[in-house]
Amino acid sequence: MLPGAQAEQTAARFLQGQGMRLLQSNYRCRFGEIDLILQDGSTLVFAEVRLRSRRDFGGAAASIDARKQHRLVLTAQHYLSRISPAPFCRFDALLLADAADAGSIEWIKGAFELG
């Protein structure tokens, strides 16, 4: 298994352990991809998983730049276009230093806004 896919599985298991329900993995459309879509109570969570073992260039958090955020928002809006009424949503980031180690996860709830 590729490290990125393993990191996504580790993050999904971690979030499920926090009481969230996984709705979809790797949602793709013409705008981009969302790694994980989960239900957290009445909130729909779009989660971006980043694996960075080195902190060069700002590490995992810095890799979710404005351009990436814009693509994630467009992809989330595409997903939400199928849901009526649209639920409250948030974007979370899960930053991993080790793809297989849930203990290495830094979870940033509400990492950025829908726009």
PDB file of N, CA and C in Angstrom:
ATOM      1  N   MET A   1       0.847  -1.179   0.000  1.00  0.00           N
ATOM      2  CA  MET A   1       0.000   0.000   0.000  1.00  0.00           C
ATOM      3  C   MET A   1       0.891   1.240   0.000  1.00  0.00           C
ATOM      4  N   LEU A   2       0.510   2.206  -0.782  1.00  0.00           N
ATOM      5  CA  LEU A   2       1.259   3.458  -0.853  1.00  0.00           C
ATOM      6  C   LEU A   2       1.130   4.230   0.462  1.00  0.00           C
ATOM      7  N   PRO A   3       2.169   4.980   0.829  1.00  0.00           N
ATOM      8  CA  PRO A   3       2.124   5.714   2.101  1.00  0.00           C
ATOM      9  C   PRO A   3       0.933   6.663   2.227  1.00  0.00           C
ATOM     10  N   GLY A   4       0.564   7.356   1.147  1.00  0.00           N
ATOM     11  CA  GLY A   4      -0.575   8.281   1.206  1.00  0.00           C
ATOM     12  C   GLY A   4      -1.881   7.561   1.501  1.00  0.00           C
ATOM     13  N   ALA A   5      -2.097   6.419   0.856  1.00  0.00           N
ATOM     14  CA  ALA A   5      -3.312   5.636   1.096  1.00  0.00           C
ATOM     15  C   ALA A   5      -3.326   5.096   2.524  1.00  0.00           C
ATOM     16  N   GLN A   6      -2.165   4.675   3.011  1.00  0.00           N
ATOM     17  CA  GLN A   6      -2.075   4.185   4.382  1.00  0.00           C
ATOM     18  C   GLN A   6      -2.360   5.307   5.371  1.00  0.00           C
ATOM     19  N   ALA A   7      -1.855   6.505   5.092  1.00  0.00           N
ATOM     20  CA  ALA A   7      -2.108   7.654   5.965  1.00  0.00           C
ATOM     21  C   ALA A   7      -3.599   7.966   6.012  1.00  0.00           C
ATOM     22  N   GLU A   8      -4.284   7.894   4.862  1.00  0.00           N
ATOM     23  CA  GLU A   8      -5.723   8.145   4.824  1.00  0.00           C
ATOM     24  C   GLU A   8      -6.486   7.104   5.643  1.00  0.00           C
ATOM     25  N   GLN A   9      -6.080   5.845   5.541  1.00  0.00           N
ATOM     26  CA  GLN A   9      -6.732   4.793   6.339  1.00  0.00           C
ATOM     27  C   GLN A   9      -6.492   5.022   7.832  1.00  0.00           C
ATOM     28  N   THR A  10      -5.282   5.379   8.196  1.00  0.00           N
ATOM     29  CA  THR A  10      -4.951   5.651   9.600  1.00  0.00           C
ATOM     30  C   THR A  10      -5.798   6.813  10.110  1.00  0.00           C
ATOM     31  N   ALA A  11      -5.912   7.875   9.307  1.00  0.00           N
ATOM     32  CA  ALA A  11      -6.695   9.046   9.701  1.00  0.00           C
ATOM     33  C   ALA A  11      -8.179   8.691   9.821  1.00  0.00           C
ATOM     34  N   ALA A  12      -8.693   7.888   8.880  1.00  0.00           N
ATOM     35  CA  ALA A  12     -10.106   7.491   8.926  1.00  0.00           C
ATOM     36  C   ALA A  12     -10.397   6.694  10.198  1.00  0.00           C
ATOM     37  N   ARG A  13      -9.532   5.747  10.531  1.00  0.00           N
ATOM     38  CA  ARG A  13      -9.721   4.957  11.756  1.00  0.00           C
ATOM     39  C   ARG A  13      -9.661   5.852  12.991  1.00  0.00           C
ATOM     40  N   PHE A  14      -8.725   6.797  12.990  1.00  0.00           N
ATOM     41  CA  PHE A  14      -8.595   7.736  14.098  1.00  0.00           C
ATOM     42  C   PHE A  14      -9.885   8.534  14.284  1.00  0.00           C
ATOM     43  N   LEU A  15     -10.410   9.090  13.210  1.00  0.00           N
ATOM     44  CA  LEU A  15     -11.621   9.902  13.302  1.00  0.00           C
ATOM     45  C   LEU A  15     -12.836   9.061  13.690  1.00  0.00           C
ATOM     46  N   GLN A  16     -12.912   7.847  13.192  1.00  0.00           N
ATOM     47  CA  GLN A  16     -14.004   6.959  13.594  1.00  0.00           C
ATOM     48  C   GLN A  16     -13.907   6.658  15.085  1.00  0.00           C
ATOM     49  N   GLY A  17     -12.697   6.554  15.594  1.00  0.00           N
ATOM     50  CA  GLY A  17     -12.487   6.348  17.021  1.00  0.00           C
ATOM     51  C   GLY A  17     -12.912   7.551  17.845  1.00  0.00           C
ATOM     52  N   GLN A  18     -13.022   8.713  17.187  1.00  0.00           N
ATOM     53  CA  GLN A  18     -13.487   9.934  17.854  1.00  0.00           C
ATOM     54  C   GLN A  18     -15.005  10.077  17.736  1.00  0.00           C
ATOM     55  N   GLY A  19     -15.671   9.041  17.209  1.00  0.00           N
ATOM     56  CA  GLY A  19     -17.129   9.048  17.107  1.00  0.00           C
ATOM     57  C   GLY A  19     -17.686   9.532  15.787  1.00  0.00           C
ATOM     58  N   MET A  20     -16.832   9.784  14.825  1.00  0.00           N
ATOM     59  CA  MET A  20     -17.302  10.244  13.519  1.00  0.00           C
ATOM     60  C   MET A  20     -17.643   9.038  12.638  1.00  0.00           C
ATOM     61  N   ARG A  21     -18.557   9.263  11.687  1.00  0.00           N
ATOM     62  CA  ARG A  21     -18.965   8.195  10.766  1.00  0.00           C
ATOM     63  C   ARG A  21     -18.423   8.522   9.376  1.00  0.00           C
ATOM     64  N   LEU A  22     -17.659   7.592   8.811  1.00  0.00           N
ATOM     65  CA  LEU A  22     -17.082   7.768   7.486  1.00  0.00           C
ATOM     66  C   LEU A  22     -18.169   7.598   6.431  1.00  0.00           C
ATOM     67  N   LEU A  23     -18.360   8.611   5.606  1.00  0.00           N
ATOM     68  CA  LEU A  23     -19.353   8.553   4.535  1.00  0.00           C
ATOM     69  C   LEU A  23     -18.721   8.188   3.195  1.00  0.00           C
ATOM     70  N   GLN A  24     -17.543   8.741   2.942  1.00  0.00           N
ATOM     71  CA  GLN A  24     -16.897   8.485   1.651  1.00  0.00           C
ATOM     72  C   GLN A  24     -15.415   8.788   1.733  1.00  0.00           C
ATOM     73  N   SER A  25     -14.648   7.988   1.012  1.00  0.00           N
ATOM     74  CA  SER A  25     -13.213   8.217   0.874  1.00  0.00           C
ATOM     75  C   SER A  25     -12.921   8.601  -0.568  1.00  0.00           C
ATOM     76  N   ASN A  26     -11.974   9.485  -0.740  1.00  0.00           N
ATOM     77  CA  ASN A  26     -11.489   9.869  -2.059  1.00  0.00           C
ATOM     78  C   ASN A  26     -12.603  10.295  -3.018  1.00  0.00           C
ATOM     79  N   TYR A  27     -13.405  11.267  -2.580  1.00  0.00           N
ATOM     80  CA  TYR A  27     -14.447  11.829  -3.450  1.00  0.00           C
ATOM     81  C   TYR A  27     -13.773  12.665  -4.523  1.00  0.00           C
ATOM     82  N   ARG A  28     -14.052  12.324  -5.785  1.00  0.00           N
ATOM     83  CA  ARG A  28     -13.423  13.019  -6.909  1.00  0.00           C
ATOM     84  C   ARG A  28     -14.475  13.636  -7.818  1.00  0.00           C
ATOM     85  N   CYS A  29     -14.137  14.799  -8.325  1.00  0.00           N
ATOM     86  CA  CYS A  29     -14.919  15.439  -9.372  1.00  0.00           C
ATOM     87  C   CYS A  29     -13.939  16.251 -10.219  1.00  0.00           C
ATOM     88  N   ARG A  30     -14.456  17.022 -11.161  1.00  0.00           N
ATOM     89  CA  ARG A  30     -13.570  17.764 -12.061  1.00  0.00           C
ATOM     90  C   ARG A  30     -12.731  18.826 -11.351  1.00  0.00           C
ATOM     91  N   PHE A  31     -13.128  19.220 -10.148  1.00  0.00           N
ATOM     92  CA  PHE A  31     -12.402  20.264  -9.424  1.00  0.00           C
ATOM     93  C   PHE A  31     -11.248  19.721  -8.591  1.00  0.00           C
ATOM     94  N   GLY A  32     -11.347  18.465  -8.185  1.00  0.00           N
ATOM     95  CA  GLY A  32     -10.304  17.905  -7.342  1.00  0.00           C
ATOM     96  C   GLY A  32     -10.791  16.707  -6.563  1.00  0.00           C
ATOM     97  N   GLU A  33     -10.155  16.478  -5.416  1.00  0.00           N
ATOM     98  CA  GLU A  33     -10.454  15.313  -4.586  1.00  0.00           C
ATOM     99  C   GLU A  33     -10.477  15.715  -3.117  1.00  0.00           C
ATOM    100  N   ILE A  34     -11.402  15.113  -2.395  1.00  0.00           N
ATOM    101  CA  ILE A  34     -11.446  15.250  -0.938  1.00  0.00           C
ATOM    102  C   ILE A  34     -11.126  13.877  -0.369  1.00  0.00           C
ATOM    103  N   ASP A  35     -10.148  13.833   0.531  1.00  0.00           N
ATOM    104  CA  ASP A  35      -9.674  12.557   1.052  1.00  0.00           C
ATOM    105  C   ASP A  35     -10.760  11.800   1.816  1.00  0.00           C
ATOM    106  N   LEU A  36     -11.397  12.460   2.772  1.00  0.00           N
ATOM    107  CA  LEU A  36     -12.399  11.811   3.615  1.00  0.00           C
ATOM    108  C   LEU A  36     -13.587  12.738   3.819  1.00  0.00           C
ATOM    109  N   ILE A  37     -14.779  12.168   3.757  1.00  0.00           N
ATOM    110  CA  ILE A  37     -15.989  12.908   4.093  1.00  0.00           C
ATOM    111  C   ILE A  37     -16.653  12.135   5.219  1.00  0.00           C
ATOM    112  N   LEU A  38     -16.900  12.842   6.326  1.00  0.00           N
ATOM    113  CA  LEU A  38     -17.397  12.192   7.534  1.00  0.00           C
ATOM    114  C   LEU A  38     -18.570  12.965   8.120  1.00  0.00           C
ATOM    115  N   GLN A  39     -19.320  12.274   8.969  1.00  0.00           N
ATOM    116  CA  GLN A  39     -20.410  12.892   9.722  1.00  0.00           C
ATOM    117  C   GLN A  39     -19.958  12.989  11.172  1.00  0.00           C
ATOM    118  N   ASP A  40     -19.998  14.214  11.711  1.00  0.00           N
ATOM    119  CA  ASP A  40     -19.657  14.455  13.105  1.00  0.00           C
ATOM    120  C   ASP A  40     -20.895  15.080  13.752  1.00  0.00           C
ATOM    121  N   GLY A  41     -21.784  14.245  14.286  1.00  0.00           N
ATOM    122  CA  GLY A  41     -23.071  14.731  14.773  1.00  0.00           C
ATOM    123  C   GLY A  41     -23.868  15.250  13.596  1.00  0.00           C
ATOM    124  N   SER A  42     -24.269  16.506  13.647  1.00  0.00           N
ATOM    125  CA  SER A  42     -25.022  17.092  12.542  1.00  0.00           C
ATOM    126  C   SER A  42     -24.118  17.834  11.554  1.00  0.00           C
ATOM    127  N   THR A  43     -22.814  17.767  11.755  1.00  0.00           N
ATOM    128  CA  THR A  43     -21.852  18.477  10.907  1.00  0.00           C
ATOM    129  C   THR A  43     -21.228  17.537   9.887  1.00  0.00           C
ATOM    130  N   LEU A  44     -21.160  17.995   8.654  1.00  0.00           N
ATOM    131  CA  LEU A  44     -20.468  17.267   7.598  1.00  0.00           C
ATOM    132  C   LEU A  44     -19.024  17.757   7.576  1.00  0.00           C
ATOM    133  N   VAL A  45     -18.086  16.826   7.638  1.00  0.00           N
ATOM    134  CA  VAL A  45     -16.669  17.176   7.729  1.00  0.00           C
ATOM    135  C   VAL A  45     -15.946  16.717   6.465  1.00  0.00           C
ATOM    136  N   PHE A  46     -15.272  17.664   5.835  1.00  0.00           N
ATOM    137  CA  PHE A  46     -14.392  17.366   4.710  1.00  0.00           C
ATOM    138  C   PHE A  46     -12.978  17.364   5.268  1.00  0.00           C
ATOM    139  N   ALA A  47     -12.308  16.223   5.191  1.00  0.00           N
ATOM    140  CA  ALA A  47     -10.991  16.095   5.824  1.00  0.00           C
ATOM    141  C   ALA A  47      -9.897  15.921   4.778  1.00  0.00           C
ATOM    142  N   GLU A  48      -8.871  16.722   4.926  1.00  0.00           N
ATOM    143  CA  GLU A  48      -7.683  16.636   4.088  1.00  0.00           C
ATOM    144  C   GLU A  48      -6.587  15.973   4.914  1.00  0.00           C
ATOM    145  N   VAL A  49      -6.007  14.904   4.374  1.00  0.00           N
ATOM    146  CA  VAL A  49      -4.963  14.159   5.077  1.00  0.00           C
ATOM    147  C   VAL A  49      -3.630  14.471   4.413  1.00  0.00           C
ATOM    148  N   ARG A  50      -2.666  14.857   5.225  1.00  0.00           N
ATOM    149  CA  ARG A  50      -1.338  15.185   4.716  1.00  0.00           C
ATOM    150  C   ARG A  50      -0.284  14.387   5.462  1.00  0.00           C
ATOM    151  N   LEU A  51       0.593  13.753   4.710  1.00  0.00           N
ATOM    152  CA  LEU A  51       1.703  12.989   5.257  1.00  0.00           C
ATOM    153  C   LEU A  51       2.983  13.729   4.902  1.00  0.00           C
ATOM    154  N   ARG A  52       3.695  14.156   5.911  1.00  0.00           N
ATOM    155  CA  ARG A  52       4.970  14.840   5.703  1.00  0.00           C
ATOM    156  C   ARG A  52       5.912  14.430   6.812  1.00  0.00           C
ATOM    157  N   SER A  53       6.939  13.704   6.459  1.00  0.00           N
ATOM    158  CA  SER A  53       7.888  13.280   7.479  1.00  0.00           C
ATOM    159  C   SER A  53       8.938  14.348   7.757  1.00  0.00           C
ATOM    160  N   ARG A  54       9.058  15.327   6.844  1.00  0.00           N
ATOM    161  CA  ARG A  54      10.033  16.400   7.034  1.00  0.00           C
ATOM    162  C   ARG A  54       9.301  17.724   7.166  1.00  0.00           C
ATOM    163  N   ARG A  55       9.908  18.660   7.832  1.00  0.00           N
ATOM    164  CA  ARG A  55       9.299  19.966   8.050  1.00  0.00           C
ATOM    165  C   ARG A  55       9.831  21.033   7.081  1.00  0.00           C
ATOM    166  N   ASP A  56      10.608  20.613   6.085  1.00  0.00           N
ATOM    167  CA  ASP A  56      11.090  21.564   5.084  1.00  0.00           C
ATOM    168  C   ASP A  56       9.894  22.256   4.441  1.00  0.00           C
ATOM    169  N   PHE A  57      10.021  23.494   4.123  1.00  0.00           N
ATOM    170  CA  PHE A  57       8.980  24.270   3.453  1.00  0.00           C
ATOM    171  C   PHE A  57       7.699  24.352   4.276  1.00  0.00           C
ATOM    172  N   GLY A  58       7.795  24.244   5.600  1.00  0.00           N
ATOM    173  CA  GLY A  58       6.641  24.446   6.462  1.00  0.00           C
ATOM    174  C   GLY A  58       5.899  23.195   6.874  1.00  0.00           C
ATOM    175  N   GLY A  59       6.294  22.038   6.398  1.00  0.00           N
ATOM    176  CA  GLY A  59       5.641  20.807   6.813  1.00  0.00           C
ATOM    177  C   GLY A  59       4.278  20.609   6.187  1.00  0.00           C
ATOM    178  N   ALA A  60       3.503  19.703   6.772  1.00  0.00           N
ATOM    179  CA  ALA A  60       2.222  19.291   6.203  1.00  0.00           C
ATOM    180  C   ALA A  60       1.197  20.412   6.162  1.00  0.00           C
ATOM    181  N   ALA A  61       1.104  21.195   7.224  1.00  0.00           N
ATOM    182  CA  ALA A  61       0.093  22.259   7.280  1.00  0.00           C
ATOM    183  C   ALA A  61       0.309  23.289   6.180  1.00  0.00           C
ATOM    184  N   ALA A  62       1.551  23.649   5.915  1.00  0.00           N
ATOM    185  CA  ALA A  62       1.851  24.647   4.894  1.00  0.00           C
ATOM    186  C   ALA A  62       1.519  24.158   3.494  1.00  0.00           C
ATOM    187  N   SER A  63       1.408  22.856   3.312  1.00  0.00           N
ATOM    188  CA  SER A  63       1.100  22.321   1.981  1.00  0.00           C
ATOM    189  C   SER A  63      -0.369  22.508   1.604  1.00  0.00           C
ATOM    190  N   ILE A  64      -1.199  22.902   2.560  1.00  0.00           N
ATOM    191  CA  ILE A  64      -2.607  23.189   2.263  1.00  0.00           C
ATOM    192  C   ILE A  64      -2.712  24.702   2.048  1.00  0.00           C
ATOM    193  N   ASP A  65      -2.168  25.133   0.916  1.00  0.00           N
ATOM    194  CA  ASP A  65      -2.095  26.558   0.612  1.00  0.00           C
ATOM    195  C   ASP A  65      -3.430  27.073   0.058  1.00  0.00           C
ATOM    196  N   ALA A  66      -3.482  28.352  -0.287  1.00  0.00           N
ATOM    197  CA  ALA A  66      -4.722  28.973  -0.759  1.00  0.00           C
ATOM    198  C   ALA A  66      -5.249  28.294  -2.019  1.00  0.00           C
ATOM    199  N   ARG A  67      -4.382  27.915  -2.908  1.00  0.00           N
ATOM    200  CA  ARG A  67      -4.810  27.230  -4.148  1.00  0.00           C
ATOM    201  C   ARG A  67      -5.457  25.883  -3.825  1.00  0.00           C
ATOM    202  N   LYS A  68      -4.834  25.115  -2.942  1.00  0.00           N
ATOM    203  CA  LYS A  68      -5.380  23.818  -2.536  1.00  0.00           C
ATOM    204  C   LYS A  68      -6.704  24.022  -1.807  1.00  0.00           C
ATOM    205  N   GLN A  69      -6.783  25.002  -0.931  1.00  0.00           N
ATOM    206  CA  GLN A  69      -8.027  25.292  -0.225  1.00  0.00           C
ATOM    207  C   GLN A  69      -9.143  25.619  -1.208  1.00  0.00           C
ATOM    208  N   HIS A  70      -8.841  26.406  -2.222  1.00  0.00           N
ATOM    209  CA  HIS A  70      -9.839  26.772  -3.231  1.00  0.00           C
ATOM    210  C   HIS A  70     -10.366  25.530  -3.949  1.00  0.00           C
ATOM    211  N   ARG A  71      -9.476  24.629  -4.329  1.00  0.00           N
ATOM    212  CA  ARG A  71      -9.900  23.381  -5.000  1.00  0.00           C
ATOM    213  C   ARG A  71     -10.744  22.524  -4.060  1.00  0.00           C
ATOM    214  N   LEU A  72     -10.374  22.468  -2.787  1.00  0.00           N
ATOM    215  CA  LEU A  72     -11.163  21.699  -1.825  1.00  0.00           C
ATOM    216  C   LEU A  72     -12.560  22.291  -1.656  1.00  0.00           C
ATOM    217  N   VAL A  73     -12.653  23.613  -1.610  1.00  0.00           N
ATOM    218  CA  VAL A  73     -13.954  24.271  -1.474  1.00  0.00           C
ATOM    219  C   VAL A  73     -14.823  23.974  -2.697  1.00  0.00           C
ATOM    220  N   LEU A  74     -14.258  24.084  -3.893  1.00  0.00           N
ATOM    221  CA  LEU A  74     -15.032  23.782  -5.106  1.00  0.00           C
ATOM    222  C   LEU A  74     -15.506  22.328  -5.121  1.00  0.00           C
ATOM    223  N   THR A  75     -14.652  21.422  -4.707  1.00  0.00           N
ATOM    224  CA  THR A  75     -15.014  20.002  -4.663  1.00  0.00           C
ATOM    225  C   THR A  75     -16.098  19.770  -3.623  1.00  0.00           C
ATOM    226  N   ALA A  76     -15.991  20.418  -2.474  1.00  0.00           N
ATOM    227  CA  ALA A  76     -17.021  20.294  -1.435  1.00  0.00           C
ATOM    228  C   ALA A  76     -18.348  20.853  -1.923  1.00  0.00           C
ATOM    229  N   GLN A  77     -18.323  21.980  -2.625  1.00  0.00           N
ATOM    230  CA  GLN A  77     -19.557  22.551  -3.163  1.00  0.00           C
ATOM    231  C   GLN A  77     -20.199  21.609  -4.175  1.00  0.00           C
ATOM    232  N   HIS A  78     -19.364  20.927  -4.959  1.00  0.00           N
ATOM    233  CA  HIS A  78     -19.881  19.934  -5.906  1.00  0.00           C
ATOM    234  C   HIS A  78     -20.580  18.803  -5.146  1.00  0.00           C
ATOM    235  N   TYR A  79     -19.949  18.312  -4.097  1.00  0.00           N
ATOM    236  CA  TYR A  79     -20.540  17.252  -3.276  1.00  0.00           C
ATOM    237  C   TYR A  79     -21.854  17.734  -2.655  1.00  0.00           C
ATOM    238  N   LEU A  80     -21.850  18.949  -2.132  1.00  0.00           N
ATOM    239  CA  LEU A  80     -23.025  19.496  -1.451  1.00  0.00           C
ATOM    240  C   LEU A  80     -24.181  19.773  -2.410  1.00  0.00           C
ATOM    241  N   SER A  81     -23.898  19.921  -3.694  1.00  0.00           N
ATOM    242  CA  SER A  81     -24.962  20.202  -4.667  1.00  0.00           C
ATOM    243  C   SER A  81     -25.957  19.042  -4.754  1.00  0.00           C
ATOM    244  N   ARG A  82     -25.578  17.879  -4.247  1.00  0.00           N
ATOM    245  CA  ARG A  82     -26.460  16.704  -4.263  1.00  0.00           C
ATOM    246  C   ARG A  82     -27.282  16.574  -2.980  1.00  0.00           C
ATOM    247  N   ILE A  83     -27.053  17.476  -2.031  1.00  0.00           N
ATOM    248  CA  ILE A  83     -27.687  17.360  -0.720  1.00  0.00           C
ATOM    249  C   ILE A  83     -28.586  18.574  -0.479  1.00  0.00           C
ATOM    250  N   SER A  84     -29.819  18.306  -0.083  1.00  0.00           N
ATOM    251  CA  SER A  84     -30.727  19.412   0.229  1.00  0.00           C
ATOM    252  C   SER A  84     -31.520  19.058   1.479  1.00  0.00           C
ATOM    253  N   PRO A  85     -31.550  19.913   2.453  1.00  0.00           N
ATOM    254  CA  PRO A  85     -30.761  21.139   2.566  1.00  0.00           C
ATOM    255  C   PRO A  85     -29.317  20.813   2.936  1.00  0.00           C
ATOM    256  N   ALA A  86     -28.436  21.698   2.578  1.00  0.00           N
ATOM    257  CA  ALA A  86     -27.015  21.494   2.877  1.00  0.00           C
ATOM    258  C   ALA A  86     -26.797  21.591   4.381  1.00  0.00           C
ATOM    259  N   PRO A  87     -26.072  20.631   4.959  1.00  0.00           N
ATOM    260  CA  PRO A  87     -25.797  20.682   6.401  1.00  0.00           C
ATOM    261  C   PRO A  87     -24.689  21.676   6.715  1.00  0.00           C
ATOM    262  N   PHE A  88     -24.510  21.955   8.006  1.00  0.00           N
ATOM    263  CA  PHE A  88     -23.365  22.738   8.452  1.00  0.00           C
ATOM    264  C   PHE A  88     -22.120  21.923   8.120  1.00  0.00           C
ATOM    265  N   CYS A  89     -21.084  22.579   7.621  1.00  0.00           N
ATOM    266  CA  CYS A  89     -19.869  21.878   7.192  1.00  0.00           C
ATOM    267  C   CYS A  89     -18.636  22.518   7.820  1.00  0.00           C
ATOM    268  N   ARG A  90     -17.575  21.708   7.861  1.00  0.00           N
ATOM    269  CA  ARG A  90     -16.276  22.254   8.238  1.00  0.00           C
ATOM    270  C   ARG A  90     -15.191  21.476   7.506  1.00  0.00           C
ATOM    271  N   PHE A  91     -14.042  22.123   7.397  1.00  0.00           N
ATOM    272  CA  PHE A  91     -12.864  21.502   6.797  1.00  0.00           C
ATOM    273  C   PHE A  91     -11.861  21.227   7.900  1.00  0.00           C
ATOM    274  N   ASP A  92     -11.462  19.978   8.031  1.00  0.00           N
ATOM    275  CA  ASP A  92     -10.438  19.594   8.992  1.00  0.00           C
ATOM    276  C   ASP A  92      -9.186  19.165   8.243  1.00  0.00           C
ATOM    277  N   ALA A  93      -8.063  19.296   8.878  1.00  0.00           N
ATOM    278  CA  ALA A  93      -6.804  18.814   8.340  1.00  0.00           C
ATOM    279  C   ALA A  93      -6.224  17.816   9.339  1.00  0.00           C
ATOM    280  N   LEU A  94      -5.744  16.707   8.805  1.00  0.00           N
ATOM    281  CA  LEU A  94      -5.066  15.713   9.632  1.00  0.00           C
ATOM    282  C   LEU A  94      -3.654  15.581   9.102  1.00  0.00           C
ATOM    283  N   LEU A  95      -2.709  15.938   9.944  1.00  0.00           N
ATOM    284  CA  LEU A  95      -1.312  15.981   9.562  1.00  0.00           C
ATOM    285  C   LEU A  95      -0.598  14.815  10.229  1.00  0.00           C
ATOM    286  N   LEU A  96       0.040  13.986   9.428  1.00  0.00           N
ATOM    287  CA  LEU A  96       0.714  12.805   9.951  1.00  0.00           C
ATOM    288  C   LEU A  96       2.197  12.853   9.652  1.00  0.00           C
ATOM    289  N   ALA A  97       2.986  12.491  10.637  1.00  0.00           N
ATOM    290  CA  ALA A  97       4.424  12.360  10.455  1.00  0.00           C
ATOM    291  C   ALA A  97       4.773  10.931  10.041  1.00  0.00           C
ATOM    292  N   ASP A  98       3.887   9.980  10.372  1.00  0.00           N
ATOM    293  CA  ASP A  98       4.096   8.563  10.060  1.00  0.00           C
ATOM    294  C   ASP A  98       2.764   7.996   9.599  1.00  0.00           C
ATOM    295  N   ALA A  99       2.734   7.397   8.401  1.00  0.00           N
ATOM    296  CA  ALA A  99       1.492   6.934   7.784  1.00  0.00           C
ATOM    297  C   ALA A  99       0.738   5.907   8.616  1.00  0.00           C
ATOM    298  N   ALA A 100       1.446   5.120   9.415  1.00  0.00           N
ATOM    299  CA  ALA A 100       0.803   4.040  10.150  1.00  0.00           C
ATOM    300  C   ALA A 100       0.593   4.354  11.627  1.00  0.00           C
ATOM    301  N   ASP A 101       1.003   5.533  12.077  1.00  0.00           N
ATOM    302  CA  ASP A 101       0.982   5.840  13.503  1.00  0.00           C
ATOM    303  C   ASP A 101      -0.067   6.898  13.823  1.00  0.00           C
ATOM    304  N   ALA A 102      -1.206   6.450  14.368  1.00  0.00           N
ATOM    305  CA  ALA A 102      -2.264   7.396  14.744  1.00  0.00           C
ATOM    306  C   ALA A 102      -1.789   8.349  15.830  1.00  0.00           C
ATOM    307  N   GLY A 103      -0.787   7.957  16.571  1.00  0.00           N
ATOM    308  CA  GLY A 103      -0.235   8.822  17.607  1.00  0.00           C
ATOM    309  C   GLY A 103       0.507  10.021  17.045  1.00  0.00           C
ATOM    310  N   SER A 104       0.834   9.961  15.748  1.00  0.00           N
ATOM    311  CA  SER A 104       1.547  11.075  15.122  1.00  0.00           C
ATOM    312  C   SER A 104       0.597  12.089  14.498  1.00  0.00           C
ATOM    313  N   ILE A 105      -0.712  11.895  14.651  1.00  0.00           N
ATOM    314  CA  ILE A 105      -1.696  12.764  14.004  1.00  0.00           C
ATOM    315  C   ILE A 105      -1.848  14.088  14.751  1.00  0.00           C
ATOM    316  N   GLU A 106      -1.769  15.164  13.985  1.00  0.00           N
ATOM    317  CA  GLU A 106      -2.142  16.489  14.470  1.00  0.00           C
ATOM    318  C   GLU A 106      -3.468  16.810  13.780  1.00  0.00           C
ATOM    319  N   TRP A 107      -4.530  16.958  14.544  1.00  0.00           N
ATOM    320  CA  TRP A 107      -5.875  17.169  14.006  1.00  0.00           C
ATOM    321  C   TRP A 107      -6.250  18.633  14.167  1.00  0.00           C
ATOM    322  N   ILE A 108      -6.449  19.303  13.048  1.00  0.00           N
ATOM    323  CA  ILE A 108      -6.834  20.715  13.077  1.00  0.00           C
ATOM    324  C   ILE A 108      -8.291  20.807  12.638  1.00  0.00           C
ATOM    325  N   LYS A 109      -9.179  20.991  13.626  1.00  0.00           N
ATOM    326  CA  LYS A 109     -10.607  21.157  13.330  1.00  0.00           C
ATOM    327  C   LYS A 109     -10.826  22.562  12.795  1.00  0.00           C
ATOM    328  N   GLY A 110     -11.643  22.657  11.748  1.00  0.00           N
ATOM    329  CA  GLY A 110     -11.931  23.982  11.194  1.00  0.00           C
ATOM    330  C   GLY A 110     -10.685  24.650  10.651  1.00  0.00           C
ATOM    331  N   ALA A 111      -9.880  23.885   9.894  1.00  0.00           N
ATOM    332  CA  ALA A 111      -8.608  24.381   9.385  1.00  0.00           C
ATOM    333  C   ALA A 111      -8.774  25.613   8.497  1.00  0.00           C
ATOM    334  N   PHE A 112      -9.889  25.691   7.768  1.00  0.00           N
ATOM    335  CA  PHE A 112     -10.205  26.873   6.962  1.00  0.00           C
ATOM    336  C   PHE A 112     -11.700  26.879   6.707  1.00  0.00           C
ATOM    337  N   GLU A 113     -12.202  27.969   6.139  1.00  0.00           N
ATOM    338  CA  GLU A 113     -13.632  28.170   5.950  1.00  0.00           C
ATOM    339  C   GLU A 113     -14.079  27.782   4.550  1.00  0.00           C
ATOM    340  N   LEU A 114     -15.366  27.488   4.411  1.00  0.00           N
ATOM    341  CA  LEU A 114     -15.949  27.118   3.120  1.00  0.00           C
ATOM    342  C   LEU A 114     -15.848  28.272   2.132  1.00  0.00           C
ATOM    343  N   GLY A 115     -15.885  29.471   2.593  1.00  0.00           N
ATOM    344  CA  GLY A 115     -15.695  30.595   1.691  1.00  0.00           C
ATOM    345  C   GLY A 115     -16.919  31.370   1.561  1.00  0.00           C
TER     346      GLY A 115
END
